[in-house]
Amino acid sequence: MTVDLREKVRPVLLGADLNAYGMALAFHSAYGLVSEAIGKYRSGPTAYSHIVDFRECPELGDSDRALALLSELSRSRPDKTMILVPCTDEYSEFVIRNREELSKYFLFTCPSETLMEALHSKAGFMKLCASAGIDIPQTHIFSGSPDPAQLSEDNTGIKYPAVLKPSVSAEYWKHPFAGMRKVFFPKDENECADICRRIFESGYTGELLLQKTVMGGDCNMRVLTAFSDSSGRVRAAVLGHVLLEEHAPKARGNHAAIITEPLDETCIRLVRLLDSLGYQGFSNFDMKLDPEDGTVKVFEINLRQGRSNSYLTAAGINPAELLVRDILFSQPIGGEFDYPEVLWHSVPASVIRKYCQDKGAAHSAEVLLHRGRSFCPYRYAGDLNGNLKRRLYVFLHGLRQRKSFDKYFPRGTVFDTERVSAVRRVIKRSAEG
């Protein structure tokens, strides 16, 4: 469906990170649209961009002021249809809670507030998955500041080293403290109790999850991104096999390289769950293959598209087109769930070659790179052409990423570069023959 929307539509993205940039890229590649992004502070992924007009608004964290700002923005462009896309947990919650007011000015789709309350806490989602027969890690849920004895293996059933994380991410990030991380990995109950104390002293009042560590490296991780239309039916669901994650403390767990794969049984069950709930909008699931029993354990749902959402665009299922066709034209697309194998990466290919721990996955990545079936959002030609500042930023960012992996990636797990050379020789002979 080719429609010229450049004079009619203005996407408004709440956020400034790679999530926001991926959505801006999707709107630009599908419709030639420049997106307006609003965030509390500037962030590299949306810097020096020709496809993003960024506005820094520190007051965006205040709900009343954010509503006034967005209302003013809408009135300033009476000739435009404004499409609103939240790109963080905090902004997703803001849009859901203010759905009635925001719908006066913007087009968007999101789950109901009732459904959000059931899903947005990891604790609530864990319970829902268990009732739906979806595998989850062994989990102990608690609140307050427990003493070490209460967090012992005898009391919780969880062996150390374990995984500790907040149940409600949006609330957690509102209360920064020294040493704050997305996920913690306490080595014993004493360290766990100390982390809990610091989290609750910062002002966080929600629940915490202590979980059994699912063994395996980055290559055991999986990500599912789905889009449900306004009728509550899943129209797209794309599974990604993660090859590499970032390991810097505050970025730990962010996807750095993904290869798309066919949906597995866990994904099919998640699609059925979304349909049964009448979910609307984007959803994003973090999962991991457990080598102990061969099952895929589901960790959490994000009530939005993920930071790596442009892996959908790479696979030929543009998230902006999914959204526009549904909320603007009431002509939803998708529903096949059959997408080509592609490599998505937000780090230089050299980082994948050096740090991907799975030989088979590394070989697949090299083949896809060689065949031109790879995509890096930072290399989007629609933004780099004629944009020297953006080109310089991307170059310097690539250098920083290499240094970050050299500093933070676990020692003793670097991929053998000689094997990479051997793989290249095999691919070259295959192409020539």
Protein backbone atom coordinates (compact mmCIF):
# COMPACT_ATOMS: atom_id res chain seq x y z
CA MET A 1 0.00 0.00 0.00
CA THR A 2 1.81 3.10 -1.27
CA VAL A 3 0.36 6.28 0.21
CA ASP A 4 2.00 9.72 0.40
CA LEU A 5 1.55 10.79 4.01
CA ARG A 6 4.33 13.36 4.20
CA GLU A 7 1.99 16.35 4.24
CA LYS A 8 -0.64 14.68 6.39
CA VAL A 9 1.00 12.73 9.22
CA ARG A 10 3.51 13.53 11.95
CA PRO A 11 4.81 10.71 14.18
CA VAL A 12 5.55 11.77 17.77
CA LEU A 13 7.92 9.46 19.63
CA LEU A 14 8.28 9.56 23.41
CA GLY A 15 11.92 8.69 24.01
CA ALA A 16 15.39 9.31 22.63
CA ASP A 17 17.12 5.92 22.62
CA LEU A 18 17.57 3.24 19.96
CA ASN A 19 13.93 2.22 20.41
CA ALA A 20 12.81 5.68 19.32
CA TYR A 21 15.33 5.74 16.48
CA GLY A 22 14.16 2.35 15.24
CA MET A 23 10.60 3.60 15.04
CA ALA A 24 11.71 6.81 13.31
CA LEU A 25 13.61 4.67 10.82
CA ALA A 26 10.46 2.59 10.24
CA PHE A 27 8.30 5.66 9.58
CA HIS A 28 10.91 7.12 7.26
CA SER A 29 11.60 3.94 5.28
CA ALA A 30 7.87 3.18 4.86
CA TYR A 31 6.47 6.66 4.24
CA GLY A 32 9.34 9.16 4.04
CA LEU A 33 8.16 10.74 7.30
CA VAL A 34 10.36 12.69 9.70
CA SER A 35 9.44 11.92 13.30
CA GLU A 36 9.33 14.28 16.25
CA ALA A 37 10.99 12.72 19.31
CA ILE A 38 10.58 14.09 22.81
CA GLY A 39 12.73 12.99 25.72
CA LYS A 40 13.89 14.16 29.14
CA TYR A 41 17.46 14.30 27.86
CA ARG A 42 19.38 13.86 24.65
CA SER A 43 20.69 10.45 23.65
CA GLY A 44 23.19 9.38 21.01
CA PRO A 45 20.95 7.17 18.84
CA THR A 46 18.72 10.11 17.87
CA ALA A 47 21.54 12.68 17.67
CA TYR A 48 22.45 14.54 14.45
CA SER A 49 19.61 12.82 12.62
CA HIS A 50 17.81 13.99 9.49
CA ILE A 51 14.87 11.65 10.20
CA VAL A 52 14.30 12.78 13.82
CA ASP A 53 13.46 16.24 15.13
CA PHE A 54 14.40 15.92 18.79
CA ARG A 55 13.08 18.10 21.60
CA GLU A 56 14.61 17.93 25.06
CA CYS A 57 11.95 18.27 27.78
CA PRO A 58 13.15 17.52 31.33
CA GLU A 59 9.58 18.03 32.60
CA LEU A 60 8.32 15.05 30.59
CA GLY A 61 8.50 12.94 33.74
CA ASP A 62 5.68 15.00 35.29
CA SER A 63 2.37 13.63 34.02
CA ASP A 64 0.42 16.93 34.16
CA ARG A 65 3.17 18.91 32.46
CA ALA A 66 3.63 16.19 29.86
CA LEU A 67 -0.07 16.29 29.02
CA ALA A 68 0.05 20.07 28.66
CA LEU A 69 3.15 19.85 26.46
CA LEU A 70 1.62 17.23 24.16
CA SER A 71 -1.65 19.13 23.94
CA GLU A 72 0.26 22.26 22.93
CA LEU A 73 2.26 20.29 20.38
CA SER A 74 -0.90 18.96 18.77
CA ARG A 75 -2.51 22.41 18.57
CA SER A 76 0.65 23.79 16.94
CA ARG A 77 0.15 21.41 13.99
CA PRO A 78 -3.59 21.51 13.21
CA ASP A 79 -2.96 20.32 9.65
CA LYS A 80 -1.31 17.06 10.78
CA THR A 81 -2.62 13.73 12.00
CA MET A 82 -0.41 13.02 14.99
CA ILE A 83 0.58 9.42 15.72
CA LEU A 84 1.91 8.88 19.24
CA VAL A 85 4.41 6.07 19.99
CA PRO A 86 5.83 5.57 23.51
CA CYS A 87 9.35 4.07 23.49
CA THR A 88 10.11 3.35 27.15
CA ASP A 89 8.28 1.59 29.99
CA GLU A 90 7.67 4.91 31.72
CA TYR A 91 6.15 6.56 28.67
CA SER A 92 4.08 3.48 27.83
CA GLU A 93 2.54 3.59 31.29
CA PHE A 94 1.95 7.34 30.91
CA VAL A 95 0.08 6.86 27.61
CA ILE A 96 -2.02 3.98 28.96
CA ARG A 97 -3.01 5.86 32.13
CA ASN A 98 -3.88 9.00 30.14
CA ARG A 99 -5.46 7.20 27.20
CA GLU A 100 -8.74 9.15 27.26
CA GLU A 101 -7.11 12.60 27.35
CA LEU A 102 -4.37 11.82 24.81
CA SER A 103 -6.84 10.31 22.34
CA LYS A 104 -8.29 13.82 21.88
CA TYR A 105 -5.06 14.85 20.13
CA PHE A 106 -3.30 11.71 18.92
CA LEU A 107 -3.81 8.39 17.20
CA PHE A 108 -2.21 5.45 19.01
CA THR A 109 -2.92 1.94 20.21
CA CYS A 110 -2.13 0.40 23.57
CA PRO A 111 -3.52 -2.12 26.07
CA SER A 112 -6.16 -1.06 28.58
CA GLU A 113 -5.14 0.18 32.01
CA THR A 114 -6.72 -2.90 33.58
CA LEU A 115 -4.63 -5.17 31.41
CA MET A 116 -1.52 -3.10 32.10
CA GLU A 117 -2.03 -3.58 35.83
CA ALA A 118 -2.12 -7.33 35.24
CA LEU A 119 0.95 -7.42 32.98
CA HIS A 120 3.35 -4.57 33.62
CA SER A 121 4.71 -6.02 36.85
CA LYS A 122 7.06 -8.93 36.26
CA ALA A 123 5.53 -10.63 39.29
CA GLY A 124 2.03 -10.47 37.83
CA PHE A 125 3.23 -11.64 34.45
CA MET A 126 5.08 -14.60 35.98
CA LYS A 127 1.84 -15.76 37.62
CA LEU A 128 -0.12 -15.34 34.38
CA CYS A 129 2.44 -17.37 32.41
CA ALA A 130 2.38 -20.15 34.99
CA SER A 131 -1.41 -20.39 34.70
CA ALA A 132 -1.14 -20.50 30.87
CA GLY A 133 1.42 -23.33 30.86
CA ILE A 134 4.27 -21.08 29.70
CA ASP A 135 7.66 -21.96 31.20
CA ILE A 136 9.24 -19.40 33.55
CA PRO A 137 12.37 -19.46 35.76
CA GLN A 138 12.03 -20.58 39.37
CA THR A 139 11.02 -17.34 41.10
CA HIS A 140 10.69 -15.95 44.64
CA ILE A 141 8.66 -12.72 44.89
CA PHE A 142 8.97 -10.39 47.90
CA SER A 143 8.85 -6.75 49.05
CA GLY A 144 10.46 -4.72 51.81
CA SER A 145 14.07 -5.09 52.93
CA PRO A 146 14.52 -8.72 54.02
CA ASP A 147 17.48 -9.84 56.10
CA PRO A 148 19.96 -12.35 54.65
CA ALA A 149 18.32 -15.33 56.38
CA GLN A 150 15.05 -14.62 54.59
CA LEU A 151 16.89 -14.71 51.26
CA SER A 152 18.77 -17.93 51.91
CA GLU A 153 18.44 -20.94 49.63
CA ASP A 154 16.68 -22.85 52.43
CA ASN A 155 14.00 -20.15 52.62
CA THR A 156 13.55 -19.27 48.94
CA GLY A 157 14.60 -22.46 47.14
CA ILE A 158 16.83 -20.32 44.88
CA LYS A 159 20.50 -21.24 44.50
CA TYR A 160 23.19 -18.57 44.31
CA PRO A 161 24.52 -16.90 42.26
CA ALA A 162 20.98 -15.78 41.47
CA VAL A 163 19.19 -13.05 39.50
CA LEU A 164 17.59 -10.07 41.27
CA LYS A 165 15.43 -7.48 39.51
CA PRO A 166 12.57 -5.06 40.20
CA SER A 167 9.06 -6.13 39.34
CA VAL A 168 8.05 -2.73 37.91
CA SER A 169 10.86 -1.26 35.80
CA ALA A 170 9.16 2.09 35.14
CA GLU A 171 8.83 2.77 38.88
CA TYR A 172 12.33 1.47 39.64
CA TRP A 173 14.10 3.85 37.22
CA LYS A 174 12.41 6.84 38.85
CA HIS A 175 14.58 6.31 41.96
CA PRO A 176 18.27 6.33 40.94
CA PHE A 177 21.03 5.28 43.33
CA ALA A 178 24.74 4.53 43.19
CA GLY A 179 25.41 1.19 41.52
CA MET A 180 21.94 1.06 39.92
CA ARG A 181 21.59 -1.66 37.29
CA LYS A 182 18.85 -3.14 35.15
CA VAL A 183 19.51 -6.59 36.66
CA PHE A 184 21.67 -7.72 39.59
CA PHE A 185 23.49 -11.02 40.04
CA PRO A 186 24.10 -11.47 43.81
CA LYS A 187 26.58 -14.22 44.69
CA ASP A 188 25.02 -14.97 48.09
CA GLU A 189 22.19 -13.93 50.43
CA ASN A 190 24.31 -11.26 52.15
CA GLU A 191 25.02 -9.43 48.91
CA CYS A 192 21.40 -9.87 47.86
CA ALA A 193 20.12 -8.33 51.11
CA ASP A 194 22.49 -5.36 50.70
CA ILE A 195 21.26 -4.69 47.14
CA CYS A 196 17.64 -4.91 48.30
CA ARG A 197 18.34 -2.41 51.06
CA ARG A 198 19.81 0.11 48.61
CA ILE A 199 16.90 -0.35 46.18
CA PHE A 200 14.23 0.30 48.82
CA GLU A 201 16.17 3.15 50.46
CA SER A 202 16.17 4.89 47.05
CA GLY A 203 12.37 5.16 47.21
CA TYR A 204 11.24 2.13 45.20
CA THR A 205 8.21 0.52 46.87
CA GLY A 206 7.34 -2.31 44.50
CA GLU A 207 8.13 -5.99 44.61
CA LEU A 208 11.44 -7.63 43.76
CA LEU A 209 12.05 -10.93 42.02
CA LEU A 210 14.78 -13.35 43.02
CA GLN A 211 15.17 -15.96 40.30
CA LYS A 212 17.19 -19.06 39.62
CA THR A 213 19.95 -18.33 37.11
CA VAL A 214 19.18 -19.85 33.73
CA MET A 215 22.59 -20.94 32.55
CA GLY A 216 24.03 -20.21 29.13
CA GLY A 217 25.48 -17.16 27.44
CA ASP A 218 24.06 -14.44 25.24
CA CYS A 219 23.30 -16.93 22.45
CA ASN A 220 20.72 -18.65 24.67
CA MET A 221 18.62 -15.48 24.77
CA ARG A 222 15.53 -15.04 22.60
CA VAL A 223 13.30 -12.04 21.92
CA LEU A 224 9.75 -12.00 20.57
CA THR A 225 8.16 -8.80 19.29
CA ALA A 226 4.44 -8.84 18.47
CA PHE A 227 1.85 -6.37 17.23
CA SER A 228 -1.83 -6.77 18.07
CA ASP A 229 -4.36 -4.71 16.12
CA SER A 230 -7.23 -2.66 17.52
CA SER A 231 -9.49 -5.73 17.54
CA GLY A 232 -7.07 -7.54 19.86
CA ARG A 233 -5.68 -9.96 17.29
CA VAL A 234 -1.95 -10.56 16.85
CA ARG A 235 -1.00 -9.48 13.32
CA ALA A 236 2.78 -9.91 13.54
CA ALA A 237 5.09 -11.92 15.78
CA VAL A 238 8.80 -12.09 14.98
CA LEU A 239 11.21 -14.25 16.95
CA GLY A 240 14.83 -13.23 17.29
CA HIS A 241 17.71 -15.51 18.30
CA VAL A 242 20.08 -13.24 20.21
CA LEU A 243 23.75 -13.66 19.31
CA LEU A 244 25.16 -10.95 21.51
CA GLU A 245 24.11 -8.61 24.29
CA GLU A 246 25.74 -5.52 25.74
CA HIS A 247 27.63 -6.01 29.01
CA ALA A 248 28.30 -2.48 30.25
CA PRO A 249 26.60 -2.14 33.68
CA LYS A 250 23.70 0.16 32.75
CA ALA A 251 23.24 -1.36 29.28
CA ARG A 252 23.55 -4.98 30.32
CA GLY A 253 20.96 -7.14 28.58
CA ASN A 254 20.40 -4.78 25.62
CA HIS A 255 20.45 -6.74 22.38
CA ALA A 256 23.48 -6.15 20.16
CA ALA A 257 22.95 -8.80 17.45
CA ILE A 258 19.91 -10.91 16.47
CA ILE A 259 19.08 -13.49 13.78
CA THR A 260 15.38 -14.00 13.02
CA GLU A 261 13.97 -17.52 13.36
CA PRO A 262 10.60 -19.30 12.88
CA LEU A 263 8.26 -19.17 15.86
CA ASP A 264 8.73 -21.98 18.38
CA GLU A 265 6.10 -23.53 20.66
CA THR A 266 6.70 -20.96 23.42
CA CYS A 267 6.08 -18.11 20.98
CA ILE A 268 2.88 -19.73 19.72
CA ARG A 269 1.63 -20.00 23.30
CA LEU A 270 2.47 -16.33 23.90
CA VAL A 271 0.57 -15.34 20.74
CA ARG A 272 -2.43 -17.31 21.96
CA LEU A 273 -2.15 -15.63 25.36
CA LEU A 274 -2.15 -12.16 23.78
CA ASP A 275 -5.19 -13.05 21.66
CA SER A 276 -7.06 -14.43 24.67
CA LEU A 277 -6.39 -11.21 26.60
CA GLY A 278 -7.54 -8.95 23.76
CA TYR A 279 -4.19 -7.17 23.96
CA GLN A 280 -3.72 -4.12 21.69
CA GLY A 281 -0.49 -2.58 20.43
CA PHE A 282 3.14 -3.69 20.53
CA SER A 283 4.49 -6.21 23.01
CA ASN A 284 8.01 -7.47 23.56
CA PHE A 285 9.13 -10.62 25.40
CA ASP A 286 12.53 -11.56 26.82
CA MET A 287 13.21 -15.31 26.94
CA LYS A 288 16.09 -17.74 27.34
CA LEU A 289 16.76 -21.32 26.30
CA ASP A 290 17.48 -23.34 29.43
CA PRO A 291 20.23 -25.92 28.69
CA GLU A 292 19.21 -27.96 31.75
CA ASP A 293 15.86 -29.09 30.32
CA GLY A 294 15.78 -27.67 26.77
CA THR A 295 12.79 -25.42 27.46
CA VAL A 296 12.55 -21.70 26.70
CA LYS A 297 11.93 -19.73 29.89
CA VAL A 298 10.00 -16.46 29.56
CA PHE A 299 11.27 -13.62 31.74
CA GLU A 300 9.03 -10.62 31.11
CA ILE A 301 6.73 -8.69 28.81
CA ASN A 302 7.29 -5.06 27.83
CA LEU A 303 4.08 -3.23 26.90
CA ARG A 304 5.75 -1.63 23.88
CA GLN A 305 8.08 -2.46 21.01
CA GLY A 306 11.63 -3.24 22.12
CA ARG A 307 14.87 -1.33 21.76
CA SER A 308 15.81 -3.63 18.88
CA ASN A 309 12.48 -3.13 17.07
CA SER A 310 14.17 -2.46 13.73
CA TYR A 311 14.90 -6.18 13.46
CA LEU A 312 11.25 -6.37 12.33
CA THR A 313 11.95 -3.82 9.61
CA ALA A 314 14.98 -5.89 8.57
CA ALA A 315 12.74 -8.96 8.28
CA GLY A 316 10.31 -7.10 6.01
CA ILE A 317 7.54 -6.42 8.54
CA ASN A 318 7.76 -2.68 9.12
CA PRO A 319 6.34 -1.75 12.57
CA ALA A 320 5.30 1.73 11.42
CA GLU A 321 3.31 0.23 8.55
CA LEU A 322 1.63 -2.21 10.94
CA LEU A 323 0.62 0.71 13.13
CA VAL A 324 -0.49 3.08 10.35
CA ARG A 325 -2.52 0.48 8.50
CA ASP A 326 -4.36 -0.39 11.71
CA ILE A 327 -5.05 2.96 13.40
CA LEU A 328 -5.18 5.27 10.36
CA PHE A 329 -6.73 3.12 7.63
CA SER A 330 -8.40 0.30 9.62
CA GLN A 331 -6.82 -2.15 7.17
CA PRO A 332 -4.51 -4.31 9.30
CA ILE A 333 -1.79 -6.33 7.60
CA GLY A 334 0.20 -9.37 8.64
CA GLY A 335 -1.02 -12.56 10.24
CA GLU A 336 1.28 -14.97 8.39
CA PHE A 337 4.19 -15.09 10.92
CA ASP A 338 6.56 -16.34 8.20
CA TYR A 339 9.58 -14.08 7.75
CA PRO A 340 12.99 -14.45 6.10
CA GLU A 341 16.19 -15.10 8.05
CA VAL A 342 18.13 -11.86 8.52
CA LEU A 343 20.88 -10.57 10.81
CA TRP A 344 20.17 -7.39 12.79
CA HIS A 345 23.03 -5.76 14.66
CA SER A 346 23.60 -2.50 16.53
CA VAL A 347 27.34 -3.11 16.95
CA PRO A 348 30.05 -3.34 14.28
CA ALA A 349 30.28 -6.72 12.55
CA SER A 350 33.81 -7.09 13.93
CA VAL A 351 32.33 -7.17 17.47
CA ILE A 352 30.03 -10.05 16.50
CA ARG A 353 32.93 -11.94 14.93
CA LYS A 354 35.08 -11.50 18.04
CA TYR A 355 32.55 -12.08 20.82
CA CYS A 356 29.76 -14.38 19.58
CA GLN A 357 30.24 -17.56 21.61
CA ASP A 358 28.11 -19.94 19.54
CA LYS A 359 30.02 -21.37 16.54
CA GLY A 360 26.86 -22.19 14.59
CA ALA A 361 25.33 -18.77 15.21
CA ALA A 362 28.59 -17.04 14.30
CA HIS A 363 28.72 -19.00 11.05
CA SER A 364 25.10 -18.05 10.23
CA ALA A 365 25.88 -14.40 10.95
CA GLU A 366 28.90 -14.48 8.66
CA VAL A 367 26.85 -16.06 5.85
CA LEU A 368 24.11 -13.44 6.20
CA LEU A 369 26.67 -10.63 6.23
CA HIS A 370 28.29 -12.05 3.10
CA ARG A 371 24.95 -12.37 1.31
CA GLY A 372 23.84 -8.85 2.16
CA ARG A 373 21.01 -10.06 4.41
CA SER A 374 22.02 -7.97 7.41
CA PHE A 375 20.83 -4.66 8.80
CA CYS A 376 22.30 -2.14 11.23
CA PRO A 377 20.04 0.80 12.19
CA TYR A 378 23.07 3.05 12.60
CA ARG A 379 23.89 2.38 8.95
CA TYR A 380 20.53 3.50 7.59
CA ALA A 381 21.32 5.21 4.29
CA GLY A 382 18.24 7.41 4.51
CA ASP A 383 19.86 9.21 7.43
CA LEU A 384 23.55 8.98 6.52
CA ASN A 385 23.36 10.32 2.96
CA GLY A 386 24.55 13.92 3.01
CA ASN A 387 24.75 13.90 6.81
CA LEU A 388 28.41 14.25 7.83
CA LYS A 389 27.68 14.83 11.53
CA ARG A 390 25.65 11.63 11.71
CA ARG A 391 28.38 9.71 9.87
CA LEU A 392 30.98 10.96 12.34
CA TYR A 393 28.77 10.06 15.30
CA VAL A 394 28.23 6.52 13.95
CA PHE A 395 31.97 6.06 13.40
CA LEU A 396 32.86 7.23 16.92
CA HIS A 397 30.02 5.21 18.43
CA GLY A 398 31.39 2.09 16.77
CA LEU A 399 34.78 2.73 18.38
CA ARG A 400 33.12 3.18 21.78
CA GLN A 401 31.24 -0.09 21.36
CA ARG A 402 34.44 -1.99 20.58
CA LYS A 403 36.08 -0.53 23.70
CA SER A 404 33.02 -1.35 25.80
CA PHE A 405 33.04 -5.01 24.78
CA ASP A 406 36.78 -5.21 25.32
CA LYS A 407 36.28 -3.86 28.84
CA TYR A 408 33.09 -5.58 30.00
CA PHE A 409 32.66 -8.81 28.05
CA PRO A 410 33.38 -11.89 30.23
CA ARG A 411 36.97 -13.01 29.89
CA GLY A 412 37.83 -16.36 28.37
CA THR A 413 34.83 -16.37 26.01
CA VAL A 414 36.19 -14.43 23.05
CA PHE A 415 35.43 -16.11 19.72
CA ASP A 416 38.44 -17.54 17.88
CA THR A 417 39.30 -15.13 15.04
CA GLU A 418 41.06 -17.93 13.18
CA ARG A 419 37.73 -19.74 12.98
CA VAL A 420 36.17 -16.60 11.53
CA SER A 421 38.81 -16.55 8.80
CA ALA A 422 38.13 -20.22 8.08
CA VAL A 423 34.39 -19.55 7.84
CA ARG A 424 35.03 -16.72 5.39
CA ARG A 425 37.15 -18.99 3.20
CA VAL A 426 34.40 -21.63 3.13
CA ILE A 427 31.78 -19.01 2.23
CA LYS A 428 33.99 -17.58 -0.50
CA ARG A 429 34.64 -21.01 -2.05
CA SER A 430 30.92 -21.77 -1.89
CA ALA A 431 30.09 -18.51 -3.66
CA GLU A 432 32.71 -19.10 -6.34
CA GLY A 433 31.62 -22.68 -6.89
